[in-house]
């Protein structure tokens, strides 16, 4: 049984879609228990791209990204952040961002466990 005072944190990362496999491997090696992945579009420091389609010029300033959410209690959030950075880093603009947020409470639906035990 987990200590009820153990902090629960959510790590949210926005990365390039082609780096998802590398990030999943890094997270597995770090012992991250689970994750949720969502396809998103966004704009940040990555420059806009200009293209042409049927003779018309267009600008793509919303780039495809993957949002990863990982809630942790048993392992430090810093380890998860490091694993994501190791797997996602290319050194180019648009590699992404990682955010760590506190989780006030958690409850597992199937068992009714709450707090760190629910994670």
C-alpha atoms as a PDB file:
ATOM      1  CA  UNK A   1       0.000   0.000   0.000  1.00  0.00           C
ATOM      2  CA  UNK A   2       1.346   3.437  -0.941  1.00  0.00           C
ATOM      3  CA  UNK A   3       1.959   6.282   1.467  1.00  0.00           C
ATOM      4  CA  UNK A   4      -1.055   8.642   1.232  1.00  0.00           C
ATOM      5  CA  UNK A   5       1.374  11.581   1.423  1.00  0.00           C
ATOM      6  CA  UNK A   6       3.158  10.517  -1.785  1.00  0.00           C
ATOM      7  CA  UNK A   7       2.626  13.284  -4.327  1.00  0.00           C
ATOM      8  CA  UNK A   8       0.765  12.399  -7.497  1.00  0.00           C
ATOM      9  CA  UNK A   9       1.953  14.297 -10.557  1.00  0.00           C
ATOM     10  CA  UNK A  10       0.918  14.407 -14.194  1.00  0.00           C
ATOM     11  CA  UNK A  11       3.606  14.777 -16.827  1.00  0.00           C
ATOM     12  CA  UNK A  12       2.284  16.222 -20.101  1.00  0.00           C
ATOM     13  CA  UNK A  13       4.529  16.315 -23.154  1.00  0.00           C
ATOM     14  CA  UNK A  14       4.057  17.536 -26.721  1.00  0.00           C
ATOM     15  CA  UNK A  15       6.478  15.835 -29.115  1.00  0.00           C
ATOM     16  CA  UNK A  16       7.043  15.073 -32.790  1.00  0.00           C
ATOM     17  CA  UNK A  17       4.932  12.111 -33.967  1.00  0.00           C
ATOM     18  CA  UNK A  18       7.968  10.304 -35.411  1.00  0.00           C
ATOM     19  CA  UNK A  19       9.642  10.245 -31.966  1.00  0.00           C
ATOM     20  CA  UNK A  20       6.757   8.463 -30.197  1.00  0.00           C
ATOM     21  CA  UNK A  21       8.343   5.014 -30.470  1.00  0.00           C
ATOM     22  CA  UNK A  22      11.622   6.262 -28.975  1.00  0.00           C
ATOM     23  CA  UNK A  23       9.778   8.007 -26.130  1.00  0.00           C
ATOM     24  CA  UNK A  24       7.733   4.871 -25.353  1.00  0.00           C
ATOM     25  CA  UNK A  25      10.955   2.846 -25.115  1.00  0.00           C
ATOM     26  CA  UNK A  26      12.555   5.472 -22.844  1.00  0.00           C
ATOM     27  CA  UNK A  27       9.489   5.550 -20.592  1.00  0.00           C
ATOM     28  CA  UNK A  28       9.418   1.750 -20.345  1.00  0.00           C
ATOM     29  CA  UNK A  29      13.100   1.747 -19.350  1.00  0.00           C
ATOM     30  CA  UNK A  30      12.375   4.396 -16.684  1.00  0.00           C
ATOM     31  CA  UNK A  31       9.545   2.291 -15.257  1.00  0.00           C
ATOM     32  CA  UNK A  32       6.694   4.642 -16.144  1.00  0.00           C
ATOM     33  CA  UNK A  33       3.570   2.543 -15.533  1.00  0.00           C
ATOM     34  CA  UNK A  34       1.186   3.886 -18.153  1.00  0.00           C
ATOM     35  CA  UNK A  35       0.559   6.679 -20.605  1.00  0.00           C
ATOM     36  CA  UNK A  36      -2.132   8.213 -22.766  1.00  0.00           C
ATOM     37  CA  UNK A  37      -1.348   9.405 -26.292  1.00  0.00           C
ATOM     38  CA  UNK A  38      -3.396  11.907 -28.306  1.00  0.00           C
ATOM     39  CA  UNK A  39      -2.773  13.384 -31.762  1.00  0.00           C
ATOM     40  CA  UNK A  40      -2.863  17.196 -31.608  1.00  0.00           C
ATOM     41  CA  UNK A  41      -1.903  20.234 -33.704  1.00  0.00           C
ATOM     42  CA  UNK A  42      -0.046  23.228 -32.364  1.00  0.00           C
ATOM     43  CA  UNK A  43       2.256  26.127 -32.958  1.00  0.00           C
ATOM     44  CA  UNK A  44       5.397  27.051 -31.051  1.00  0.00           C
ATOM     45  CA  UNK A  45       8.967  27.905 -31.929  1.00  0.00           C
ATOM     46  CA  UNK A  46       8.947  25.659 -34.998  1.00  0.00           C
ATOM     47  CA  UNK A  47       8.805  27.852 -38.135  1.00  0.00           C
ATOM     48  CA  UNK A  48       5.799  27.806 -40.463  1.00  0.00           C
ATOM     49  CA  UNK A  49       6.127  25.891 -43.723  1.00  0.00           C
ATOM     50  CA  UNK A  50       4.950  27.204 -47.077  1.00  0.00           C
ATOM     51  CA  UNK A  51       3.733  24.869 -49.805  1.00  0.00           C
ATOM     52  CA  UNK A  52       1.839  24.871 -53.046  1.00  0.00           C
ATOM     53  CA  UNK A  53      -1.238  22.831 -53.962  1.00  0.00           C
ATOM     54  CA  UNK A  54      -3.073  23.102 -57.284  1.00  0.00           C
ATOM     55  CA  UNK A  55      -1.277  26.333 -58.071  1.00  0.00           C
ATOM     56  CA  UNK A  56      -2.244  27.984 -54.794  1.00  0.00           C
ATOM     57  CA  UNK A  57       0.315  28.812 -52.116  1.00  0.00           C
ATOM     58  CA  UNK A  58      -0.573  27.923 -48.540  1.00  0.00           C
ATOM     59  CA  UNK A  59       1.117  28.189 -45.140  1.00  0.00           C
ATOM     60  CA  UNK A  60       1.129  25.468 -42.508  1.00  0.00           C
ATOM     61  CA  UNK A  61       1.683  27.031 -39.102  1.00  0.00           C
ATOM     62  CA  UNK A  62      -0.093  24.381 -37.022  1.00  0.00           C
ATOM     63  CA  UNK A  63       2.199  21.364 -36.866  1.00  0.00           C
ATOM     64  CA  UNK A  64       1.157  17.806 -36.051  1.00  0.00           C
ATOM     65  CA  UNK A  65       2.281  16.775 -32.564  1.00  0.00           C
ATOM     66  CA  UNK A  66       1.624  13.932 -30.155  1.00  0.00           C
ATOM     67  CA  UNK A  67       0.438  14.715 -26.623  1.00  0.00           C
ATOM     68  CA  UNK A  68       1.613  12.253 -23.980  1.00  0.00           C
ATOM     69  CA  UNK A  69       0.067  12.204 -20.512  1.00  0.00           C
ATOM     70  CA  UNK A  70       1.601  10.116 -17.758  1.00  0.00           C
ATOM     71  CA  UNK A  71       0.407  10.176 -14.133  1.00  0.00           C
ATOM     72  CA  UNK A  72       3.033   9.022 -11.643  1.00  0.00           C
ATOM     73  CA  UNK A  73       3.239   8.509  -7.903  1.00  0.00           C
ATOM     74  CA  UNK A  74       5.704   5.645  -7.357  1.00  0.00           C
ATOM     75  CA  UNK A  75       8.521   7.042  -9.489  1.00  0.00           C
ATOM     76  CA  UNK A  76       9.802  10.633  -9.522  1.00  0.00           C
ATOM     77  CA  UNK A  77       8.287  12.877 -12.186  1.00  0.00           C
ATOM     78  CA  UNK A  78      11.813  14.111 -12.978  1.00  0.00           C
ATOM     79  CA  UNK A  79      12.736  10.589 -14.134  1.00  0.00           C
ATOM     80  CA  UNK A  80       9.749  10.598 -16.491  1.00  0.00           C
ATOM     81  CA  UNK A  81      10.677  14.060 -17.808  1.00  0.00           C
ATOM     82  CA  UNK A  82      14.268  12.916 -18.413  1.00  0.00           C
ATOM     83  CA  UNK A  83      13.054   9.796 -20.234  1.00  0.00           C
ATOM     84  CA  UNK A  84      10.780  11.842 -22.488  1.00  0.00           C
ATOM     85  CA  UNK A  85      13.555  14.312 -23.254  1.00  0.00           C
ATOM     86  CA  UNK A  86      16.026  11.517 -24.041  1.00  0.00           C
ATOM     87  CA  UNK A  87      13.583   9.855 -26.424  1.00  0.00           C
ATOM     88  CA  UNK A  88      12.227  12.982 -28.123  1.00  0.00           C
ATOM     89  CA  UNK A  89      15.287  15.178 -28.550  1.00  0.00           C
ATOM     90  CA  UNK A  90      16.546  15.828 -32.091  1.00  0.00           C
ATOM     91  CA  UNK A  91      18.212  19.191 -31.467  1.00  0.00           C
ATOM     92  CA  UNK A  92      15.983  20.969 -33.990  1.00  0.00           C
ATOM     93  CA  UNK A  93      13.227  23.547 -33.345  1.00  0.00           C
ATOM     94  CA  UNK A  94       9.895  21.827 -32.737  1.00  0.00           C
ATOM     95  CA  UNK A  95      11.159  18.996 -30.516  1.00  0.00           C
ATOM     96  CA  UNK A  96       8.391  19.823 -28.050  1.00  0.00           C
ATOM     97  CA  UNK A  97       7.757  20.738 -24.442  1.00  0.00           C
ATOM     98  CA  UNK A  98       7.198  18.879 -21.160  1.00  0.00           C
ATOM     99  CA  UNK A  99       5.036  20.123 -18.283  1.00  0.00           C
ATOM    100  CA  UNK A 100       4.647  18.699 -14.765  1.00  0.00           C
ATOM    101  CA  UNK A 101       1.354  19.349 -12.972  1.00  0.00           C
ATOM    102  CA  UNK A 102       0.243  18.385  -9.449  1.00  0.00           C
ATOM    103  CA  UNK A 103      -2.731  16.019  -9.233  1.00  0.00           C
ATOM    104  CA  UNK A 104      -5.050  16.822  -6.367  1.00  0.00           C
ATOM    105  CA  UNK A 105      -6.663  13.390  -6.165  1.00  0.00           C
ATOM    106  CA  UNK A 106      -7.132  10.168  -8.090  1.00  0.00           C
ATOM    107  CA  UNK A 107      -9.620   7.304  -7.868  1.00  0.00           C
ATOM    108  CA  UNK A 108      -9.583   4.007  -9.720  1.00  0.00           C
ATOM    109  CA  UNK A 109     -13.041   3.205 -11.029  1.00  0.00           C
ATOM    110  CA  UNK A 110     -12.823  -0.600 -10.901  1.00  0.00           C
ATOM    111  CA  UNK A 111     -11.497  -1.015  -7.355  1.00  0.00           C
ATOM    112  CA  UNK A 112     -12.379   2.305  -5.731  1.00  0.00           C
ATOM    113  CA  UNK A 113      -8.739   2.760  -4.638  1.00  0.00           C
ATOM    114  CA  UNK A 114      -7.814   6.388  -4.141  1.00  0.00           C
ATOM    115  CA  UNK A 115      -4.679   8.483  -3.869  1.00  0.00           C
ATOM    116  CA  UNK A 116      -1.354   6.974  -4.963  1.00  0.00           C
ATOM    117  CA  UNK A 117      -2.890   3.460  -4.888  1.00  0.00           C
ATOM    118  CA  UNK A 118      -5.189   4.485  -7.751  1.00  0.00           C
ATOM    119  CA  UNK A 119      -2.245   5.341  -9.969  1.00  0.00           C
END
